C-alpha atoms as a PDB file:
ATOM      1  CA  UNK A   1     -15.446  10.467  23.400  1.00  0.00           C
ATOM      2  CA  UNK A   2     -17.092  13.860  22.740  1.00  0.00           C
ATOM      3  CA  UNK A   3     -19.002  14.483  19.508  1.00  0.00           C
ATOM      4  CA  UNK A   4     -17.010  15.170  16.337  1.00  0.00           C
ATOM      5  CA  UNK A   5     -16.496  18.745  15.207  1.00  0.00           C
ATOM      6  CA  UNK A   6     -17.630  19.746  11.711  1.00  0.00           C
ATOM      7  CA  UNK A   7     -14.084  19.378  10.349  1.00  0.00           C
ATOM      8  CA  UNK A   8     -13.607  15.995  12.028  1.00  0.00           C
ATOM      9  CA  UNK A   9     -16.978  14.783  10.743  1.00  0.00           C
ATOM     10  CA  UNK A  10     -16.096  15.759   7.178  1.00  0.00           C
ATOM     11  CA  UNK A  11     -12.774  13.920   7.380  1.00  0.00           C
ATOM     12  CA  UNK A  12     -14.435  10.774   8.746  1.00  0.00           C
ATOM     13  CA  UNK A  13     -17.105  10.860   6.032  1.00  0.00           C
ATOM     14  CA  UNK A  14     -14.491  11.222   3.282  1.00  0.00           C
ATOM     15  CA  UNK A  15     -12.497   8.353   4.781  1.00  0.00           C
ATOM     16  CA  UNK A  16     -15.528   6.082   4.912  1.00  0.00           C
ATOM     17  CA  UNK A  17     -16.468   6.940   1.328  1.00  0.00           C
ATOM     18  CA  UNK A  18     -13.045   7.078  -0.329  1.00  0.00           C
ATOM     19  CA  UNK A  19     -10.450   5.818   2.162  1.00  0.00           C
ATOM     20  CA  UNK A  20      -8.528   9.106   1.963  1.00  0.00           C
ATOM     21  CA  UNK A  21      -9.007  12.699   3.120  1.00  0.00           C
ATOM     22  CA  UNK A  22      -6.682  15.669   2.610  1.00  0.00           C
ATOM     23  CA  UNK A  23      -6.753  18.711   4.874  1.00  0.00           C
ATOM     24  CA  UNK A  24      -4.249  21.048   6.532  1.00  0.00           C
ATOM     25  CA  UNK A  25      -2.686  21.627   9.916  1.00  0.00           C
ATOM     26  CA  UNK A  26      -4.231  25.099   9.874  1.00  0.00           C
ATOM     27  CA  UNK A  27      -7.731  23.696   9.442  1.00  0.00           C
ATOM     28  CA  UNK A  28      -7.286  21.134  12.219  1.00  0.00           C
ATOM     29  CA  UNK A  29      -5.832  23.810  14.547  1.00  0.00           C
ATOM     30  CA  UNK A  30      -4.407  21.287  17.026  1.00  0.00           C
ATOM     31  CA  UNK A  31      -2.508  22.500  20.094  1.00  0.00           C
ATOM     32  CA  UNK A  32       1.230  21.877  19.863  1.00  0.00           C
ATOM     33  CA  UNK A  33       1.327  21.971  16.053  1.00  0.00           C
ATOM     34  CA  UNK A  34       4.088  24.592  15.886  1.00  0.00           C
ATOM     35  CA  UNK A  35       6.296  22.593  18.265  1.00  0.00           C
ATOM     36  CA  UNK A  36       5.600  19.397  16.316  1.00  0.00           C
ATOM     37  CA  UNK A  37       6.532  20.967  12.981  1.00  0.00           C
ATOM     38  CA  UNK A  38       9.740  22.484  14.391  1.00  0.00           C
ATOM     39  CA  UNK A  39      10.679  19.122  15.914  1.00  0.00           C
ATOM     40  CA  UNK A  40       9.896  17.213  12.716  1.00  0.00           C
ATOM     41  CA  UNK A  41      11.929  19.643  10.637  1.00  0.00           C
ATOM     42  CA  UNK A  42      14.887  19.279  13.008  1.00  0.00           C
ATOM     43  CA  UNK A  43      14.788  15.477  12.920  1.00  0.00           C
ATOM     44  CA  UNK A  44      14.180  15.218   9.161  1.00  0.00           C
ATOM     45  CA  UNK A  45      17.163  17.473   8.500  1.00  0.00           C
ATOM     46  CA  UNK A  46      19.283  15.168  10.642  1.00  0.00           C
ATOM     47  CA  UNK A  47      18.007  12.221   8.595  1.00  0.00           C
ATOM     48  CA  UNK A  48      18.851  14.007   5.335  1.00  0.00           C
ATOM     49  CA  UNK A  49      22.413  14.508   6.576  1.00  0.00           C
ATOM     50  CA  UNK A  50      22.553  10.846   7.550  1.00  0.00           C
ATOM     51  CA  UNK A  51      21.291   9.777   4.121  1.00  0.00           C
ATOM     52  CA  UNK A  52      24.329  11.356   2.477  1.00  0.00           C
ATOM     53  CA  UNK A  53      26.631   8.989   4.361  1.00  0.00           C
ATOM     54  CA  UNK A  54      27.552   5.779   2.508  1.00  0.00           C
ATOM     55  CA  UNK A  55      26.881   3.703   5.641  1.00  0.00           C
ATOM     56  CA  UNK A  56      23.537   5.343   6.503  1.00  0.00           C
ATOM     57  CA  UNK A  57      21.488   2.139   6.282  1.00  0.00           C
ATOM     58  CA  UNK A  58      23.565   0.399   8.941  1.00  0.00           C
ATOM     59  CA  UNK A  59      23.419   3.421  11.224  1.00  0.00           C
ATOM     60  CA  UNK A  60      19.759   4.371  10.887  1.00  0.00           C
ATOM     61  CA  UNK A  61      18.423   2.170  13.686  1.00  0.00           C
ATOM     62  CA  UNK A  62      20.862   3.559  16.249  1.00  0.00           C
ATOM     63  CA  UNK A  63      20.147   7.114  15.186  1.00  0.00           C
ATOM     64  CA  UNK A  64      16.388   6.473  15.515  1.00  0.00           C
ATOM     65  CA  UNK A  65      16.931   5.281  19.068  1.00  0.00           C
ATOM     66  CA  UNK A  66      18.881   8.447  19.876  1.00  0.00           C
ATOM     67  CA  UNK A  67      16.162  10.624  18.353  1.00  0.00           C
ATOM     68  CA  UNK A  68      13.431   8.848  20.323  1.00  0.00           C
ATOM     69  CA  UNK A  69      14.972  10.026  23.585  1.00  0.00           C
ATOM     70  CA  UNK A  70      14.814  13.725  22.677  1.00  0.00           C
ATOM     71  CA  UNK A  71      12.283  16.395  23.599  1.00  0.00           C
ATOM     72  CA  UNK A  72      11.714  16.901  19.865  1.00  0.00           C
ATOM     73  CA  UNK A  73      10.481  13.342  19.462  1.00  0.00           C
ATOM     74  CA  UNK A  74       8.256  13.750  22.514  1.00  0.00           C
ATOM     75  CA  UNK A  75       6.590  16.793  20.913  1.00  0.00           C
ATOM     76  CA  UNK A  76       5.825  14.768  17.781  1.00  0.00           C
ATOM     77  CA  UNK A  77       4.616  11.738  19.743  1.00  0.00           C
ATOM     78  CA  UNK A  78       2.307  13.782  21.958  1.00  0.00           C
ATOM     79  CA  UNK A  79       0.825  15.629  18.986  1.00  0.00           C
ATOM     80  CA  UNK A  80      -0.332  12.323  17.532  1.00  0.00           C
ATOM     81  CA  UNK A  81      -2.386  11.727  20.676  1.00  0.00           C
ATOM     82  CA  UNK A  82      -4.434  14.904  20.436  1.00  0.00           C
ATOM     83  CA  UNK A  83      -8.069  14.102  21.154  1.00  0.00           C
ATOM     84  CA  UNK A  84      -9.136  15.519  17.792  1.00  0.00           C
ATOM     85  CA  UNK A  85      -7.014  12.907  16.004  1.00  0.00           C
ATOM     86  CA  UNK A  86      -8.206  10.104  18.268  1.00  0.00           C
ATOM     87  CA  UNK A  87     -11.811  11.130  17.596  1.00  0.00           C
ATOM     88  CA  UNK A  88     -11.184  10.953  13.846  1.00  0.00           C
ATOM     89  CA  UNK A  89      -9.626   7.494  14.155  1.00  0.00           C
ATOM     90  CA  UNK A  90     -12.444   6.172  16.342  1.00  0.00           C
ATOM     91  CA  UNK A  91     -15.052   7.781  14.107  1.00  0.00           C
ATOM     92  CA  UNK A  92     -13.598   5.992  11.084  1.00  0.00           C
ATOM     93  CA  UNK A  93     -12.843   2.607  12.636  1.00  0.00           C
ATOM     94  CA  UNK A  94     -15.948   2.569  14.871  1.00  0.00           C
ATOM     95  CA  UNK A  95     -13.604   1.061  17.460  1.00  0.00           C
ATOM     96  CA  UNK A  96     -11.441   2.515  20.263  1.00  0.00           C
ATOM     97  CA  UNK A  97      -8.161   3.740  18.738  1.00  0.00           C
ATOM     98  CA  UNK A  98      -4.628   2.450  19.222  1.00  0.00           C
ATOM     99  CA  UNK A  99      -1.623   4.684  18.498  1.00  0.00           C
ATOM    100  CA  UNK A 100       1.545   3.128  17.085  1.00  0.00           C
ATOM    101  CA  UNK A 101       3.586   6.306  17.240  1.00  0.00           C
ATOM    102  CA  UNK A 102       5.206   8.583  14.655  1.00  0.00           C
ATOM    103  CA  UNK A 103       7.853   8.068  12.016  1.00  0.00           C
ATOM    104  CA  UNK A 104       9.802  11.001  10.643  1.00  0.00           C
ATOM    105  CA  UNK A 105      10.722  10.353   7.015  1.00  0.00           C
ATOM    106  CA  UNK A 106      13.187  11.893   4.598  1.00  0.00           C
ATOM    107  CA  UNK A 107      12.810  10.919   0.926  1.00  0.00           C
ATOM    108  CA  UNK A 108      15.593  12.001  -1.458  1.00  0.00           C
ATOM    109  CA  UNK A 109      14.676  12.988  -5.007  1.00  0.00           C
ATOM    110  CA  UNK A 110      16.537  10.086  -6.600  1.00  0.00           C
ATOM    111  CA  UNK A 111      13.668   8.568  -8.608  1.00  0.00           C
ATOM    112  CA  UNK A 112      14.177   5.115  -7.074  1.00  0.00           C
ATOM    113  CA  UNK A 113      11.224   2.719  -7.071  1.00  0.00           C
ATOM    114  CA  UNK A 114      11.777   0.559  -4.006  1.00  0.00           C
ATOM    115  CA  UNK A 115      10.270  -0.165  -0.594  1.00  0.00           C
ATOM    116  CA  UNK A 116       7.337   2.110   0.207  1.00  0.00           C
ATOM    117  CA  UNK A 117       7.656   3.696  -3.249  1.00  0.00           C
ATOM    118  CA  UNK A 118       6.121   0.518  -4.677  1.00  0.00           C
ATOM    119  CA  UNK A 119       2.392  -0.226  -4.559  1.00  0.00           C
ATOM    120  CA  UNK A 120       1.378  -2.080  -1.402  1.00  0.00           C
ATOM    121  CA  UNK A 121      -1.165  -2.383   1.388  1.00  0.00           C
ATOM    122  CA  UNK A 122      -0.221  -2.267   5.063  1.00  0.00           C
ATOM    123  CA  UNK A 123      -0.850  -5.418   7.062  1.00  0.00           C
ATOM    124  CA  UNK A 124      -1.239  -4.373  10.690  1.00  0.00           C
ATOM    125  CA  UNK A 125      -5.037  -4.507  10.819  1.00  0.00           C
ATOM    126  CA  UNK A 126      -8.237  -4.979   8.844  1.00  0.00           C
ATOM    127  CA  UNK A 127      -8.542  -1.210   8.637  1.00  0.00           C
ATOM    128  CA  UNK A 128      -6.126   1.406   9.904  1.00  0.00           C
ATOM    129  CA  UNK A 129      -5.172   5.035   9.420  1.00  0.00           C
ATOM    130  CA  UNK A 130      -1.977   6.841   8.610  1.00  0.00           C
ATOM    131  CA  UNK A 131      -1.832  10.606   9.085  1.00  0.00           C
ATOM    132  CA  UNK A 132       0.941  11.975   6.852  1.00  0.00           C
ATOM    133  CA  UNK A 133       2.103  15.535   7.529  1.00  0.00           C
ATOM    134  CA  UNK A 134       4.144  17.252   4.824  1.00  0.00           C
ATOM    135  CA  UNK A 135       7.002  19.312   6.252  1.00  0.00           C
ATOM    136  CA  UNK A 136       7.958  20.534   2.780  1.00  0.00           C
ATOM    137  CA  UNK A 137       5.974  21.513  -0.298  1.00  0.00           C
ATOM    138  CA  UNK A 138       5.147  18.295  -2.169  1.00  0.00           C
ATOM    139  CA  UNK A 139       4.430  18.799  -5.889  1.00  0.00           C
ATOM    140  CA  UNK A 140       3.729  15.934  -8.280  1.00  0.00           C
ATOM    141  CA  UNK A 141       7.480  15.497  -8.795  1.00  0.00           C
ATOM    142  CA  UNK A 142       8.229  15.687  -5.058  1.00  0.00           C
ATOM    143  CA  UNK A 143       7.070  12.274  -3.865  1.00  0.00           C
ATOM    144  CA  UNK A 144       3.362  12.717  -3.000  1.00  0.00           C
ATOM    145  CA  UNK A 145       1.472   9.978  -1.204  1.00  0.00           C
ATOM    146  CA  UNK A 146      -0.676   8.209  -3.789  1.00  0.00           C
ATOM    147  CA  UNK A 147      -3.460   5.639  -3.642  1.00  0.00           C
ATOM    148  CA  UNK A 148      -5.651   3.773  -6.068  1.00  0.00           C
ATOM    149  CA  UNK A 149      -9.136   5.234  -5.962  1.00  0.00           C
ATOM    150  CA  UNK A 150     -11.570   3.079  -4.012  1.00  0.00           C
ATOM    151  CA  UNK A 151     -13.682   2.675  -7.162  1.00  0.00           C
ATOM    152  CA  UNK A 152     -10.750   0.766  -8.689  1.00  0.00           C
ATOM    153  CA  UNK A 153      -9.803  -1.301  -5.627  1.00  0.00           C
ATOM    154  CA  UNK A 154     -11.402  -1.245  -2.195  1.00  0.00           C
ATOM    155  CA  UNK A 155      -9.524  -3.824  -0.164  1.00  0.00           C
ATOM    156  CA  UNK A 156     -11.459  -6.734   1.317  1.00  0.00           C
ATOM    157  CA  UNK A 157     -11.721  -6.477   5.077  1.00  0.00           C
ATOM    158  CA  UNK A 158     -12.431 -10.068   6.126  1.00  0.00           C
ATOM    159  CA  UNK A 159     -11.472 -12.255   3.185  1.00  0.00           C
ATOM    160  CA  UNK A 160      -8.125 -11.792   1.449  1.00  0.00           C
ATOM    161  CA  UNK A 161      -5.103 -10.971   3.601  1.00  0.00           C
ATOM    162  CA  UNK A 162      -2.407 -10.919   0.942  1.00  0.00           C
ATOM    163  CA  UNK A 163       0.197  -8.164   1.023  1.00  0.00           C
ATOM    164  CA  UNK A 164       2.296  -8.142  -2.148  1.00  0.00           C
ATOM    165  CA  UNK A 165       4.643  -5.261  -2.968  1.00  0.00           C
ATOM    166  CA  UNK A 166       4.164  -4.426  -6.633  1.00  0.00           C
ATOM    167  CA  UNK A 167       5.540  -2.319  -9.436  1.00  0.00           C
ATOM    168  CA  UNK A 168       2.985  -0.432 -11.533  1.00  0.00           C
ATOM    169  CA  UNK A 169       3.056  -3.179 -14.164  1.00  0.00           C
ATOM    170  CA  UNK A 170       2.638  -5.912 -11.537  1.00  0.00           C
ATOM    171  CA  UNK A 171      -0.304  -4.048 -10.020  1.00  0.00           C
ATOM    172  CA  UNK A 172      -1.985  -3.946 -13.428  1.00  0.00           C
ATOM    173  CA  UNK A 173      -1.416  -7.686 -13.780  1.00  0.00           C
ATOM    174  CA  UNK A 174      -2.915  -8.358 -10.352  1.00  0.00           C
ATOM    175  CA  UNK A 175      -6.010  -6.259 -11.032  1.00  0.00           C
ATOM    176  CA  UNK A 176      -6.233  -7.460 -14.657  1.00  0.00           C
ATOM    177  CA  UNK A 177      -6.666  -3.922 -15.986  1.00  0.00           C
ATOM    178  CA  UNK A 178      -4.687  -0.876 -17.022  1.00  0.00           C
ATOM    179  CA  UNK A 179      -4.193   1.755 -14.319  1.00  0.00           C
ATOM    180  CA  UNK A 180      -4.607   5.212 -15.818  1.00  0.00           C
ATOM    181  CA  UNK A 181      -3.614   8.522 -14.237  1.00  0.00           C
ATOM    182  CA  UNK A 182      -7.251   9.269 -13.410  1.00  0.00           C
ATOM    183  CA  UNK A 183      -7.461   6.022 -11.402  1.00  0.00           C
ATOM    184  CA  UNK A 184      -4.940   7.374  -8.885  1.00  0.00           C
ATOM    185  CA  UNK A 185      -5.403   9.959  -6.145  1.00  0.00           C
ATOM    186  CA  UNK A 186      -2.146  11.920  -5.883  1.00  0.00           C
ATOM    187  CA  UNK A 187      -2.009  13.871  -2.614  1.00  0.00           C
ATOM    188  CA  UNK A 188       0.082  16.896  -3.540  1.00  0.00           C
ATOM    189  CA  UNK A 189       0.130  19.963  -1.323  1.00  0.00           C
ATOM    190  CA  UNK A 190       2.146  22.678   0.394  1.00  0.00           C
ATOM    191  CA  UNK A 191       4.005  22.237   3.655  1.00  0.00           C
ATOM    192  CA  UNK A 192       1.397  21.772   6.366  1.00  0.00           C
ATOM    193  CA  UNK A 193      -0.794  19.453   4.302  1.00  0.00           C
ATOM    194  CA  UNK A 194      -2.058  16.429   6.241  1.00  0.00           C
ATOM    195  CA  UNK A 195      -3.243  13.286   4.465  1.00  0.00           C
ATOM    196  CA  UNK A 196      -5.427  10.761   6.282  1.00  0.00           C
ATOM    197  CA  UNK A 197      -5.439   7.406   4.483  1.00  0.00           C
ATOM    198  CA  UNK A 198      -6.535   3.850   5.211  1.00  0.00           C
ATOM    199  CA  UNK A 199      -3.322   2.160   4.140  1.00  0.00           C
ATOM    200  CA  UNK A 200      -4.663  -1.351   4.774  1.00  0.00           C
ATOM    201  CA  UNK A 201      -7.726  -0.832   2.600  1.00  0.00           C
ATOM    202  CA  UNK A 202      -6.098   0.944  -0.356  1.00  0.00           C
ATOM    203  CA  UNK A 203      -3.114   0.156  -2.522  1.00  0.00           C
ATOM    204  CA  UNK A 204      -0.798   3.103  -1.985  1.00  0.00           C
ATOM    205  CA  UNK A 205       2.780   4.286  -2.374  1.00  0.00           C
ATOM    206  CA  UNK A 206       5.017   7.296  -2.054  1.00  0.00           C
ATOM    207  CA  UNK A 207       5.477   8.336  -5.666  1.00  0.00           C
ATOM    208  CA  UNK A 208       9.225   8.373  -6.417  1.00  0.00           C
ATOM    209  CA  UNK A 209      10.486  11.934  -5.943  1.00  0.00           C
ATOM    210  CA  UNK A 210      12.509  13.276  -8.858  1.00  0.00           C
ATOM    211  CA  UNK A 211      12.776  17.067  -8.469  1.00  0.00           C
ATOM    212  CA  UNK A 212      12.739  17.920  -4.751  1.00  0.00           C
ATOM    213  CA  UNK A 213      13.355  15.962  -1.561  1.00  0.00           C
ATOM    214  CA  UNK A 214      10.371  15.249   0.683  1.00  0.00           C
ATOM    215  CA  UNK A 215      10.250  15.484   4.476  1.00  0.00           C
ATOM    216  CA  UNK A 216       7.201  14.192   6.309  1.00  0.00           C
ATOM    217  CA  UNK A 217       5.869  12.719   9.542  1.00  0.00           C
ATOM    218  CA  UNK A 218       3.660   9.616   9.545  1.00  0.00           C
ATOM    219  CA  UNK A 219       1.422   8.865  12.533  1.00  0.00           C
ATOM    220  CA  UNK A 220      -0.033   5.340  12.619  1.00  0.00           C
ATOM    221  CA  UNK A 221      -3.324   4.157  14.137  1.00  0.00           C
ATOM    222  CA  UNK A 222      -5.388   0.966  14.229  1.00  0.00           C
ATOM    223  CA  UNK A 223      -7.783  -0.842  16.577  1.00  0.00           C
ATOM    224  CA  UNK A 224      -6.727  -2.078  20.018  1.00  0.00           C
ATOM    225  CA  UNK A 225      -7.070  -5.685  18.872  1.00  0.00           C
ATOM    226  CA  UNK A 226      -5.340  -5.581  15.462  1.00  0.00           C
ATOM    227  CA  UNK A 227      -5.459  -8.458  13.021  1.00  0.00           C
ATOM    228  CA  UNK A 228      -1.664  -8.859  13.012  1.00  0.00           C
ATOM    229  CA  UNK A 229      -0.144  -7.517  16.253  1.00  0.00           C
ATOM    230  CA  UNK A 230       3.230  -8.971  15.242  1.00  0.00           C
ATOM    231  CA  UNK A 231       3.453  -6.373  12.458  1.00  0.00           C
ATOM    232  CA  UNK A 232       2.559  -3.503  14.783  1.00  0.00           C
ATOM    233  CA  UNK A 233       4.799  -1.791  17.359  1.00  0.00           C
ATOM    234  CA  UNK A 234       6.833   0.097  14.764  1.00  0.00           C
ATOM    235  CA  UNK A 235       7.482   2.915  17.204  1.00  0.00           C
ATOM    236  CA  UNK A 236      11.073   3.879  17.960  1.00  0.00           C
ATOM    237  CA  UNK A 237      10.258   3.394  21.664  1.00  0.00           C
ATOM    238  CA  UNK A 238      10.559   0.216  23.699  1.00  0.00           C
ATOM    239  CA  UNK A 239       7.545  -1.065  25.633  1.00  0.00           C
ATOM    240  CA  UNK A 240       9.100   0.263  28.824  1.00  0.00           C
ATOM    241  CA  UNK A 241       9.591   3.692  27.276  1.00  0.00           C
ATOM    242  CA  UNK A 242       5.986   3.682  26.090  1.00  0.00           C
ATOM    243  CA  UNK A 243       4.887   3.043  29.679  1.00  0.00           C
ATOM    244  CA  UNK A 244       6.909   6.078  30.765  1.00  0.00           C
ATOM    245  CA  UNK A 245       5.512   8.230  27.957  1.00  0.00           C
ATOM    246  CA  UNK A 246       1.940   7.229  28.867  1.00  0.00           C
ATOM    247  CA  UNK A 247       2.315   8.201  32.526  1.00  0.00           C
ATOM    248  CA  UNK A 248       0.370  11.367  33.238  1.00  0.00           C
ATOM    249  CA  UNK A 249      -1.702  11.197  30.056  1.00  0.00           C
ATOM    250  CA  UNK A 250      -5.491  11.190  30.020  1.00  0.00           C
ATOM    251  CA  UNK A 251      -7.126   7.725  30.211  1.00  0.00           C
ATOM    252  CA  UNK A 252      -8.081   7.855  26.517  1.00  0.00           C
ATOM    253  CA  UNK A 253      -4.539   8.738  25.445  1.00  0.00           C
ATOM    254  CA  UNK A 254      -2.939   6.219  27.797  1.00  0.00           C
ATOM    255  CA  UNK A 255      -5.170   3.416  26.520  1.00  0.00           C
ATOM    256  CA  UNK A 256      -4.279   4.315  22.923  1.00  0.00           C
ATOM    257  CA  UNK A 257      -0.538   4.095  23.685  1.00  0.00           C
ATOM    258  CA  UNK A 258      -0.790   0.932  25.798  1.00  0.00           C
ATOM    259  CA  UNK A 259      -3.118  -0.858  23.385  1.00  0.00           C
ATOM    260  CA  UNK A 260      -1.303  -4.170  23.904  1.00  0.00           C
ATOM    261  CA  UNK A 261      -3.018  -4.407  27.286  1.00  0.00           C
ATOM    262  CA  UNK A 262      -6.269  -5.036  25.397  1.00  0.00           C
ATOM    263  CA  UNK A 263      -4.936  -7.990  23.404  1.00  0.00           C
ATOM    264  CA  UNK A 264      -5.984 -11.540  24.297  1.00  0.00           C
ATOM    265  CA  UNK A 265      -3.441 -13.032  26.685  1.00  0.00           C
ATOM    266  CA  UNK A 266      -1.922 -15.332  24.047  1.00  0.00           C
ATOM    267  CA  UNK A 267      -1.383 -12.468  21.599  1.00  0.00           C
ATOM    268  CA  UNK A 268       0.480 -10.446  24.241  1.00  0.00           C
ATOM    269  CA  UNK A 269       3.403 -12.875  24.239  1.00  0.00           C
ATOM    270  CA  UNK A 270       4.029 -12.359  20.523  1.00  0.00           C
ATOM    271  CA  UNK A 271       7.209 -10.275  20.116  1.00  0.00           C
ATOM    272  CA  UNK A 272       7.207  -7.033  18.168  1.00  0.00           C
ATOM    273  CA  UNK A 273       8.126  -7.160  14.488  1.00  0.00           C
ATOM    274  CA  UNK A 274      11.751  -6.319  13.750  1.00  0.00           C
ATOM    275  CA  UNK A 275      10.903  -4.985  10.276  1.00  0.00           C
END
């Protein structure tokens, strides 16, 4: 890949030092950003409407499949494959990047502490990156992405592969120390903020939103030979659809989408996770 730009180099350095870097869509200046934001806003509004239905949990998977077939989803998916982003991922991992696709998320301001609003580490790979794009302003009370500072916990890469989901009190018990406000990086910001975070290395969560709903897009990346391929493939696209999406892309982008082709032959027969 070409050399990193000054902005990309700064992001990679911050990631290597702290595991997290916060910037903006304006600073990255990636082609297709306007189309991606419009598409994400359209889809997240549809999800917010869905969330108001009493049966929304049972219907979410089908709706995701419908969304994945739209031009809006394609705009979001393609944005995540911009060479600037792939350079950042490769610069951080020091390995060729794999792209696991985007997830558009709507988080209601209901104060609930459940799922990804609890402290956890992702389990796809030894190290990985999530790029979270805020589609709305995200104040402290609006569900910002948070992580424990690396000085408090910097996840082992090759030793412990334990992935508990913890309340704040349970996290303190695990680490055998109190977790103060200054021990946490809280990634607040206006719409257009983008947070790069190693979600395998750092304990993180979406802080429960209490005042305003949050809409965001999460792009996921890891190496082409991830530690746990079974827990990857969280895209809303089937493997056949991914093949179609990758057609016509540059070799670097195509290899990032079709990363399973780089797995050892035995690992390729493992089915995708259903969670």
